[in-house]
Amino acid sequence: MTDTPDFEKTLAELDALVQRMEAGELPLAQAMAEFERGIQLTRQCQAHLEEARAQVAALLDETRADQDPVNSESSETSD
């Protein structure tokens, strides 16, 4: 994801785009182009969020494994 802007910049661009479209003053061709860009930005935001969700899940799994006495005991006895 190094090629794409960070989540906050992407979300800010999407927000600005939505505001322009909600104003209702864009010509149809420009509104369609903005809509297409909005779809791209939405997908980028979703990808950022999914990546963050996966990182949180991995961290929680690590924390649970560290706190699980059954796993701790079994790893100590197998050494």
C-alpha atoms as a PDB file:
ATOM      1  CA  MET A   1       0.000   0.000   0.000  1.00  0.00           C
ATOM      2  CA  THR A   2       2.976   2.311  -0.249  1.00  0.00           C
ATOM      3  CA  ASP A   3       1.807   3.591  -3.667  1.00  0.00           C
ATOM      4  CA  THR A   4      -1.510   4.901  -2.342  1.00  0.00           C
ATOM      5  CA  PRO A   5      -2.093   7.929  -0.137  1.00  0.00           C
ATOM      6  CA  ASP A   6      -2.724   7.258   3.520  1.00  0.00           C
ATOM      7  CA  PHE A   7      -6.232   6.710   4.849  1.00  0.00           C
ATOM      8  CA  GLU A   8      -6.734  10.245   6.139  1.00  0.00           C
ATOM      9  CA  LYS A   9      -5.761  11.885   2.832  1.00  0.00           C
ATOM     10  CA  THR A  10      -7.940   9.470   0.877  1.00  0.00           C
ATOM     11  CA  LEU A  11     -10.904  10.064   3.172  1.00  0.00           C
ATOM     12  CA  ALA A  12     -10.427  13.847   2.986  1.00  0.00           C
ATOM     13  CA  GLU A  13     -10.421  13.705  -0.818  1.00  0.00           C
ATOM     14  CA  LEU A  14     -13.542  11.547  -0.770  1.00  0.00           C
ATOM     15  CA  ASP A  15     -15.269  13.961   1.601  1.00  0.00           C
ATOM     16  CA  ALA A  16     -14.449  16.935  -0.632  1.00  0.00           C
ATOM     17  CA  LEU A  17     -15.696  15.031  -3.660  1.00  0.00           C
ATOM     18  CA  VAL A  18     -18.997  14.194  -1.926  1.00  0.00           C
ATOM     19  CA  GLN A  19     -19.479  17.843  -0.997  1.00  0.00           C
ATOM     20  CA  ARG A  20     -18.946  18.908  -4.631  1.00  0.00           C
ATOM     21  CA  MET A  21     -21.408  16.320  -5.859  1.00  0.00           C
ATOM     22  CA  GLU A  22     -24.008  17.149  -3.213  1.00  0.00           C
ATOM     23  CA  ALA A  23     -23.917  20.783  -4.303  1.00  0.00           C
ATOM     24  CA  GLY A  24     -25.564  19.535  -7.511  1.00  0.00           C
ATOM     25  CA  GLU A  25     -23.877  22.053  -9.778  1.00  0.00           C
ATOM     26  CA  LEU A  26     -21.596  19.729 -11.755  1.00  0.00           C
ATOM     27  CA  PRO A  27     -22.255  19.000 -15.414  1.00  0.00           C
ATOM     28  CA  LEU A  28     -23.261  15.387 -16.007  1.00  0.00           C
ATOM     29  CA  ALA A  29     -19.932  14.318 -17.529  1.00  0.00           C
ATOM     30  CA  GLN A  30     -17.989  15.801 -14.631  1.00  0.00           C
ATOM     31  CA  ALA A  31     -20.406  14.295 -12.100  1.00  0.00           C
ATOM     32  CA  MET A  32     -19.870  10.872 -13.665  1.00  0.00           C
ATOM     33  CA  ALA A  33     -16.092  11.298 -13.534  1.00  0.00           C
ATOM     34  CA  GLU A  34     -16.343  12.393  -9.892  1.00  0.00           C
ATOM     35  CA  PHE A  35     -18.566   9.412  -9.126  1.00  0.00           C
ATOM     36  CA  GLU A  36     -16.014   7.055 -10.667  1.00  0.00           C
ATOM     37  CA  ARG A  37     -13.240   8.681  -8.627  1.00  0.00           C
ATOM     38  CA  GLY A  38     -15.409   8.343  -5.535  1.00  0.00           C
ATOM     39  CA  ILE A  39     -15.701   4.611  -6.125  1.00  0.00           C
ATOM     40  CA  GLN A  40     -11.908   4.355  -6.398  1.00  0.00           C
ATOM     41  CA  LEU A  41     -11.420   6.337  -3.205  1.00  0.00           C
ATOM     42  CA  THR A  42     -14.006   4.230  -1.383  1.00  0.00           C
ATOM     43  CA  ARG A  43     -12.170   1.069  -2.392  1.00  0.00           C
ATOM     44  CA  GLN A  44      -8.867   2.542  -1.206  1.00  0.00           C
ATOM     45  CA  CYS A  45     -10.409   3.463   2.150  1.00  0.00           C
ATOM     46  CA  GLN A  46     -11.870  -0.025   2.483  1.00  0.00           C
ATOM     47  CA  ALA A  47      -8.462  -1.552   1.750  1.00  0.00           C
ATOM     48  CA  HIS A  48      -6.819   0.668   4.385  1.00  0.00           C
ATOM     49  CA  LEU A  49      -9.466  -0.303   6.920  1.00  0.00           C
ATOM     50  CA  GLU A  50      -9.143  -4.000   6.121  1.00  0.00           C
ATOM     51  CA  GLU A  51      -5.380  -3.794   6.550  1.00  0.00           C
ATOM     52  CA  ALA A  52      -5.820  -2.055   9.909  1.00  0.00           C
ATOM     53  CA  ARG A  53      -8.423  -4.634  10.963  1.00  0.00           C
ATOM     54  CA  ALA A  54      -6.041  -7.468  10.119  1.00  0.00           C
ATOM     55  CA  GLN A  55      -3.241  -5.809  12.108  1.00  0.00           C
ATOM     56  CA  VAL A  56      -5.509  -5.369  15.135  1.00  0.00           C
ATOM     57  CA  ALA A  57      -6.669  -8.985  14.883  1.00  0.00           C
ATOM     58  CA  ALA A  58      -3.071 -10.202  14.729  1.00  0.00           C
ATOM     59  CA  LEU A  59      -2.122  -8.121  17.756  1.00  0.00           C
ATOM     60  CA  LEU A  60      -5.125  -9.391  19.695  1.00  0.00           C
ATOM     61  CA  ASP A  61      -4.250 -12.979  18.776  1.00  0.00           C
ATOM     62  CA  GLU A  62      -0.695 -12.430  20.018  1.00  0.00           C
ATOM     63  CA  THR A  63      -1.975 -10.913  23.250  1.00  0.00           C
ATOM     64  CA  ARG A  64      -4.389 -13.787  23.827  1.00  0.00           C
ATOM     65  CA  ALA A  65      -1.651 -16.330  23.147  1.00  0.00           C
ATOM     66  CA  ASP A  66       0.642 -14.572  25.630  1.00  0.00           C
ATOM     67  CA  GLN A  67      -2.095 -14.603  28.281  1.00  0.00           C
ATOM     68  CA  ASP A  68      -3.293 -18.174  27.683  1.00  0.00           C
ATOM     69  CA  PRO A  69      -1.865 -20.316  30.517  1.00  0.00           C
ATOM     70  CA  VAL A  70      -2.513 -23.541  28.597  1.00  0.00           C
ATOM     71  CA  ASN A  71      -0.312 -22.429  25.697  1.00  0.00           C
ATOM     72  CA  SER A  72       2.325 -21.066  28.076  1.00  0.00           C
ATOM     73  CA  GLU A  73       2.481 -24.336  30.052  1.00  0.00           C
ATOM     74  CA  SER A  74       2.585 -26.537  26.955  1.00  0.00           C
ATOM     75  CA  SER A  75       5.408 -24.495  25.413  1.00  0.00           C
ATOM     76  CA  GLU A  76       7.367 -24.618  28.690  1.00  0.00           C
ATOM     77  CA  THR A  77       7.007 -28.386  29.062  1.00  0.00           C
ATOM     78  CA  SER A  78       7.900 -29.132  25.459  1.00  0.00           C
ATOM     79  CA  ASP A  79      11.323 -27.474  25.713  1.00  0.00           C
END
